[in-house]
N, C-alpha and C. Protein backbone atom coordinates (compact mmCIF):
# COMPACT_ATOMS: atom_id res chain seq x y z
N MET A 1 -2.37 -35.11 33.93
CA MET A 1 -2.03 -35.12 32.53
C MET A 1 -3.00 -34.24 31.73
N ILE A 2 -4.28 -34.32 32.05
CA ILE A 2 -5.26 -33.51 31.34
C ILE A 2 -5.07 -32.04 31.68
N ASN A 3 -4.70 -31.73 32.92
CA ASN A 3 -4.44 -30.33 33.29
C ASN A 3 -3.28 -29.76 32.50
N ASN A 4 -2.25 -30.57 32.27
CA ASN A 4 -1.12 -30.11 31.47
C ASN A 4 -1.56 -29.82 30.03
N PHE A 5 -2.45 -30.65 29.51
CA PHE A 5 -2.91 -30.47 28.14
C PHE A 5 -3.69 -29.17 28.00
N PHE A 6 -4.59 -28.89 28.95
CA PHE A 6 -5.41 -27.69 28.85
C PHE A 6 -4.65 -26.42 29.22
N SER A 7 -3.57 -26.54 29.98
CA SER A 7 -2.79 -25.35 30.33
C SER A 7 -1.67 -25.09 29.33
N ASN A 8 -1.52 -25.95 28.36
CA ASN A 8 -0.49 -25.82 27.36
C ASN A 8 -0.79 -24.62 26.45
N GLU A 9 0.25 -23.90 26.03
CA GLU A 9 0.07 -22.75 25.15
C GLU A 9 -0.44 -23.18 23.77
N THR A 10 -0.03 -24.34 23.32
CA THR A 10 -0.49 -24.84 22.02
C THR A 10 -2.00 -25.06 22.04
N PHE A 11 -2.54 -25.57 23.12
CA PHE A 11 -3.98 -25.76 23.22
C PHE A 11 -4.70 -24.41 23.21
N ARG A 12 -4.16 -23.44 23.92
CA ARG A 12 -4.77 -22.11 23.96
C ARG A 12 -4.80 -21.48 22.58
N ILE A 13 -3.70 -21.56 21.85
CA ILE A 13 -3.64 -21.00 20.50
C ILE A 13 -4.58 -21.74 19.57
N SER A 14 -4.65 -23.05 19.68
CA SER A 14 -5.56 -23.84 18.85
C SER A 14 -7.02 -23.49 19.14
N ALA A 15 -7.34 -23.28 20.41
CA ALA A 15 -8.71 -22.92 20.77
C ALA A 15 -9.09 -21.55 20.21
N VAL A 16 -8.16 -20.60 20.24
CA VAL A 16 -8.43 -19.27 19.69
C VAL A 16 -8.63 -19.36 18.18
N ILE A 17 -7.81 -20.15 17.51
CA ILE A 17 -7.94 -20.31 16.06
C ILE A 17 -9.28 -20.97 15.72
N MET A 18 -9.67 -21.99 16.44
CA MET A 18 -10.95 -22.65 16.18
C MET A 18 -12.12 -21.70 16.43
N PHE A 19 -12.02 -20.87 17.47
CA PHE A 19 -13.06 -19.88 17.73
C PHE A 19 -13.18 -18.90 16.57
N LYS A 20 -12.04 -18.44 16.05
CA LYS A 20 -12.06 -17.52 14.92
C LYS A 20 -12.68 -18.16 13.68
N ILE A 21 -12.38 -19.43 13.45
CA ILE A 21 -12.94 -20.12 12.29
C ILE A 21 -14.45 -20.26 12.42
N VAL A 22 -14.92 -20.68 13.59
CA VAL A 22 -16.37 -20.83 13.80
C VAL A 22 -17.08 -19.49 13.68
N LEU A 23 -16.51 -18.45 14.26
CA LEU A 23 -17.11 -17.12 14.17
C LEU A 23 -17.14 -16.63 12.73
N CYS A 24 -16.09 -16.89 11.97
CA CYS A 24 -16.06 -16.51 10.56
C CYS A 24 -17.14 -17.23 9.77
N ILE A 25 -17.31 -18.51 10.01
CA ILE A 25 -18.35 -19.27 9.31
C ILE A 25 -19.73 -18.74 9.64
N ILE A 26 -19.97 -18.43 10.90
CA ILE A 26 -21.28 -17.92 11.31
C ILE A 26 -21.57 -16.56 10.68
N LEU A 27 -20.62 -15.64 10.76
CA LEU A 27 -20.86 -14.28 10.26
C LEU A 27 -20.96 -14.23 8.74
N THR A 28 -20.03 -14.88 8.04
CA THR A 28 -20.10 -14.86 6.58
C THR A 28 -21.28 -15.70 6.08
N GLY A 29 -21.61 -16.75 6.81
CA GLY A 29 -22.78 -17.55 6.45
C GLY A 29 -24.07 -16.76 6.60
N ALA A 30 -24.14 -15.90 7.61
CA ALA A 30 -25.33 -15.06 7.79
C ALA A 30 -25.50 -14.08 6.64
N ILE A 31 -24.39 -13.49 6.20
CA ILE A 31 -24.46 -12.58 5.05
C ILE A 31 -24.87 -13.35 3.80
N GLY A 32 -24.26 -14.51 3.58
CA GLY A 32 -24.59 -15.32 2.42
C GLY A 32 -26.01 -15.84 2.44
N TYR A 33 -26.49 -16.23 3.62
CA TYR A 33 -27.87 -16.71 3.74
C TYR A 33 -28.86 -15.60 3.41
N ASN A 34 -28.59 -14.40 3.90
CA ASN A 34 -29.46 -13.27 3.61
C ASN A 34 -29.54 -13.00 2.11
N ARG A 35 -28.42 -13.05 1.43
CA ARG A 35 -28.40 -12.81 -0.01
C ARG A 35 -29.05 -13.96 -0.77
N GLU A 36 -28.82 -15.18 -0.31
CA GLU A 36 -29.41 -16.35 -0.99
C GLU A 36 -30.92 -16.36 -0.82
N LYS A 37 -31.39 -15.95 0.34
CA LYS A 37 -32.83 -15.90 0.60
C LYS A 37 -33.52 -14.89 -0.31
N LYS A 38 -32.82 -13.81 -0.66
CA LYS A 38 -33.37 -12.80 -1.56
C LYS A 38 -33.23 -13.18 -3.03
N GLY A 39 -32.60 -14.32 -3.32
CA GLY A 39 -32.45 -14.76 -4.70
C GLY A 39 -31.26 -14.16 -5.42
N MET A 40 -30.30 -13.65 -4.69
CA MET A 40 -29.11 -13.07 -5.31
C MET A 40 -28.19 -14.17 -5.81
N VAL A 41 -27.25 -13.78 -6.66
CA VAL A 41 -26.38 -14.76 -7.31
C VAL A 41 -25.41 -15.40 -6.32
N VAL A 42 -24.71 -14.61 -5.56
CA VAL A 42 -23.69 -15.11 -4.64
C VAL A 42 -24.35 -15.39 -3.29
N GLY A 43 -24.21 -16.63 -2.81
CA GLY A 43 -24.90 -17.02 -1.59
C GLY A 43 -23.96 -17.46 -0.48
N ILE A 44 -24.43 -18.45 0.26
CA ILE A 44 -23.72 -18.91 1.46
C ILE A 44 -22.34 -19.47 1.13
N ARG A 45 -22.28 -20.37 0.17
CA ARG A 45 -21.01 -21.04 -0.11
C ARG A 45 -19.91 -20.06 -0.51
N THR A 46 -20.25 -19.12 -1.37
CA THR A 46 -19.23 -18.18 -1.82
C THR A 46 -18.77 -17.28 -0.69
N HIS A 47 -19.69 -16.76 0.09
CA HIS A 47 -19.30 -15.88 1.19
C HIS A 47 -18.47 -16.62 2.25
N VAL A 48 -18.87 -17.84 2.58
CA VAL A 48 -18.11 -18.60 3.57
C VAL A 48 -16.73 -18.94 3.02
N MET A 49 -16.65 -19.30 1.75
CA MET A 49 -15.36 -19.64 1.15
C MET A 49 -14.42 -18.43 1.14
N VAL A 50 -14.92 -17.28 0.72
CA VAL A 50 -14.10 -16.07 0.67
C VAL A 50 -13.66 -15.67 2.08
N GLY A 51 -14.57 -15.74 3.03
CA GLY A 51 -14.24 -15.39 4.41
C GLY A 51 -13.22 -16.34 5.03
N LEU A 52 -13.40 -17.64 4.80
CA LEU A 52 -12.46 -18.61 5.37
C LEU A 52 -11.07 -18.50 4.75
N VAL A 53 -11.01 -18.27 3.45
CA VAL A 53 -9.69 -18.12 2.82
C VAL A 53 -8.97 -16.90 3.39
N GLY A 54 -9.68 -15.80 3.52
CA GLY A 54 -9.07 -14.62 4.11
C GLY A 54 -8.61 -14.84 5.54
N LEU A 55 -9.44 -15.51 6.32
CA LEU A 55 -9.08 -15.81 7.70
C LEU A 55 -7.87 -16.73 7.78
N LEU A 56 -7.86 -17.78 6.98
CA LEU A 56 -6.74 -18.73 7.03
C LEU A 56 -5.44 -18.10 6.54
N ILE A 57 -5.52 -17.20 5.58
CA ILE A 57 -4.31 -16.49 5.14
C ILE A 57 -3.77 -15.63 6.28
N GLN A 58 -4.64 -14.92 6.97
CA GLN A 58 -4.19 -14.09 8.08
C GLN A 58 -3.65 -14.93 9.24
N ILE A 59 -4.32 -16.03 9.55
CA ILE A 59 -3.84 -16.90 10.63
C ILE A 59 -2.46 -17.46 10.28
N THR A 60 -2.30 -17.90 9.03
CA THR A 60 -1.00 -18.43 8.59
C THR A 60 0.08 -17.37 8.71
N SER A 61 -0.22 -16.17 8.26
CA SER A 61 0.76 -15.10 8.31
C SER A 61 1.13 -14.73 9.74
N LEU A 62 0.13 -14.61 10.60
CA LEU A 62 0.41 -14.23 11.99
C LEU A 62 1.13 -15.33 12.77
N GLU A 63 0.77 -16.59 12.51
CA GLU A 63 1.45 -17.69 13.19
C GLU A 63 2.89 -17.83 12.71
N TYR A 64 3.11 -17.62 11.43
CA TYR A 64 4.48 -17.65 10.91
C TYR A 64 5.31 -16.54 11.55
N TYR A 65 4.70 -15.38 11.72
CA TYR A 65 5.37 -14.26 12.39
C TYR A 65 5.68 -14.61 13.84
N ARG A 66 4.73 -15.24 14.53
CA ARG A 66 4.92 -15.59 15.94
C ARG A 66 6.00 -16.64 16.11
N ILE A 67 6.03 -17.63 15.23
CA ILE A 67 6.99 -18.72 15.35
C ILE A 67 8.40 -18.27 14.99
N ASN A 68 8.54 -17.47 13.95
CA ASN A 68 9.87 -17.08 13.46
C ASN A 68 10.39 -15.79 14.04
N GLY A 69 9.66 -15.15 14.91
CA GLY A 69 10.17 -14.01 15.64
C GLY A 69 10.23 -12.70 14.89
N GLY A 70 9.37 -12.48 13.95
CA GLY A 70 9.28 -11.17 13.33
C GLY A 70 10.21 -10.90 12.18
N ASP A 71 10.64 -11.92 11.45
CA ASP A 71 11.53 -11.71 10.31
C ASP A 71 10.80 -11.47 9.00
N ASN A 72 9.50 -11.40 9.02
CA ASN A 72 8.76 -11.28 7.75
C ASN A 72 7.72 -10.17 7.83
N ASP A 73 7.16 -9.86 6.67
CA ASP A 73 6.11 -8.85 6.57
C ASP A 73 4.76 -9.57 6.64
N VAL A 74 4.00 -9.35 7.71
CA VAL A 74 2.75 -10.08 7.91
C VAL A 74 1.64 -9.62 6.98
N PHE A 75 1.81 -8.49 6.34
CA PHE A 75 0.75 -7.96 5.48
C PHE A 75 0.91 -8.35 4.02
N ARG A 76 1.98 -9.02 3.66
CA ARG A 76 2.22 -9.36 2.27
C ARG A 76 1.16 -10.33 1.74
N LEU A 77 0.86 -11.37 2.49
CA LEU A 77 -0.17 -12.33 2.06
C LEU A 77 -1.54 -11.67 1.99
N ALA A 78 -1.85 -10.83 2.93
CA ALA A 78 -3.15 -10.16 2.94
C ALA A 78 -3.29 -9.24 1.72
N GLY A 79 -2.23 -8.58 1.32
CA GLY A 79 -2.28 -7.71 0.15
C GLY A 79 -2.57 -8.49 -1.12
N GLN A 80 -1.99 -9.67 -1.25
CA GLN A 80 -2.25 -10.50 -2.42
C GLN A 80 -3.69 -11.02 -2.41
N TYR A 81 -4.18 -11.35 -1.24
CA TYR A 81 -5.57 -11.81 -1.11
C TYR A 81 -6.54 -10.70 -1.52
N ILE A 82 -6.28 -9.49 -1.08
CA ILE A 82 -7.17 -8.37 -1.39
C ILE A 82 -7.21 -8.11 -2.89
N SER A 83 -6.06 -8.16 -3.54
CA SER A 83 -6.08 -7.92 -4.99
C SER A 83 -6.79 -9.05 -5.72
N GLY A 84 -6.65 -10.28 -5.26
CA GLY A 84 -7.36 -11.40 -5.88
C GLY A 84 -8.86 -11.31 -5.70
N ILE A 85 -9.31 -10.92 -4.54
CA ILE A 85 -10.75 -10.76 -4.30
C ILE A 85 -11.29 -9.59 -5.10
N GLY A 86 -10.47 -8.56 -5.30
CA GLY A 86 -10.89 -7.44 -6.14
C GLY A 86 -11.17 -7.89 -7.57
N PHE A 87 -10.34 -8.77 -8.10
CA PHE A 87 -10.59 -9.30 -9.44
C PHE A 87 -11.83 -10.19 -9.45
N LEU A 88 -12.04 -10.96 -8.40
CA LEU A 88 -13.25 -11.79 -8.31
C LEU A 88 -14.50 -10.91 -8.28
N GLY A 89 -14.46 -9.85 -7.50
CA GLY A 89 -15.59 -8.92 -7.44
C GLY A 89 -15.81 -8.21 -8.76
N ALA A 90 -14.74 -7.83 -9.42
CA ALA A 90 -14.88 -7.14 -10.71
C ALA A 90 -15.49 -8.06 -11.76
N GLY A 91 -15.27 -9.35 -11.64
CA GLY A 91 -15.84 -10.30 -12.59
C GLY A 91 -17.34 -10.48 -12.44
N THR A 92 -17.89 -10.05 -11.32
CA THR A 92 -19.33 -10.20 -11.12
C THR A 92 -20.13 -9.01 -11.63
N ILE A 93 -19.46 -7.93 -12.03
CA ILE A 93 -20.15 -6.74 -12.52
C ILE A 93 -20.42 -6.90 -14.01
N LEU A 94 -21.67 -6.77 -14.39
CA LEU A 94 -22.08 -6.87 -15.79
C LEU A 94 -22.69 -5.55 -16.23
N LYS A 95 -22.30 -5.11 -17.42
CA LYS A 95 -22.82 -3.85 -17.94
C LYS A 95 -23.57 -4.11 -19.24
N ASP A 96 -24.83 -3.70 -19.26
CA ASP A 96 -25.63 -3.74 -20.48
C ASP A 96 -25.62 -2.34 -21.09
N LYS A 97 -26.50 -2.13 -22.07
CA LYS A 97 -26.55 -0.82 -22.71
C LYS A 97 -26.98 0.27 -21.74
N ARG A 98 -27.99 -0.02 -20.92
CA ARG A 98 -28.52 1.01 -20.03
C ARG A 98 -28.37 0.69 -18.55
N SER A 99 -27.90 -0.46 -18.20
CA SER A 99 -27.87 -0.82 -16.78
C SER A 99 -26.56 -1.51 -16.41
N VAL A 100 -26.27 -1.44 -15.14
CA VAL A 100 -25.11 -2.11 -14.57
C VAL A 100 -25.64 -3.03 -13.49
N LYS A 101 -25.28 -4.33 -13.56
CA LYS A 101 -25.74 -5.31 -12.57
C LYS A 101 -24.54 -5.92 -11.86
N GLY A 102 -24.76 -6.27 -10.63
CA GLY A 102 -23.73 -6.98 -9.87
C GLY A 102 -22.90 -6.10 -8.97
N LEU A 103 -23.23 -4.85 -8.82
CA LEU A 103 -22.42 -3.98 -7.95
C LEU A 103 -22.51 -4.38 -6.49
N THR A 104 -23.72 -4.71 -6.03
CA THR A 104 -23.85 -5.11 -4.62
C THR A 104 -23.21 -6.48 -4.40
N THR A 105 -23.24 -7.34 -5.40
CA THR A 105 -22.58 -8.63 -5.29
C THR A 105 -21.08 -8.44 -5.17
N ALA A 106 -20.52 -7.58 -6.00
CA ALA A 106 -19.08 -7.29 -5.93
C ALA A 106 -18.71 -6.66 -4.60
N ALA A 107 -19.56 -5.79 -4.10
CA ALA A 107 -19.27 -5.15 -2.81
C ALA A 107 -19.36 -6.14 -1.65
N SER A 108 -20.31 -7.08 -1.72
CA SER A 108 -20.44 -8.03 -0.63
C SER A 108 -19.30 -9.06 -0.64
N ILE A 109 -18.79 -9.39 -1.82
CA ILE A 109 -17.65 -10.30 -1.89
C ILE A 109 -16.40 -9.59 -1.37
N SER A 110 -16.22 -8.36 -1.82
CA SER A 110 -15.01 -7.63 -1.43
C SER A 110 -15.15 -7.16 -0.01
């Protein structure tokens, strides 16, 4: 019974998805930790949240494509995510009379 569970395609797909989630948390957390350690505005939580949302949108889109047999555009959700993150990044840029702040923050979010 356990062999059937581990050889099941659903288990394999679930394991790949969990691996992607853990890898996303580690990589985006490392970027966020580095910025937080330097005293920057956007830290671990924001980077992990942005990375996980992007990952989950792509996983949802690709799994929907796999289940329904290719009747949809898999890039539509990703395009909406990119435009939303662009607005989030643009909101972090501040311009004073002589200086512009937040460009690296916007770039790291985007």
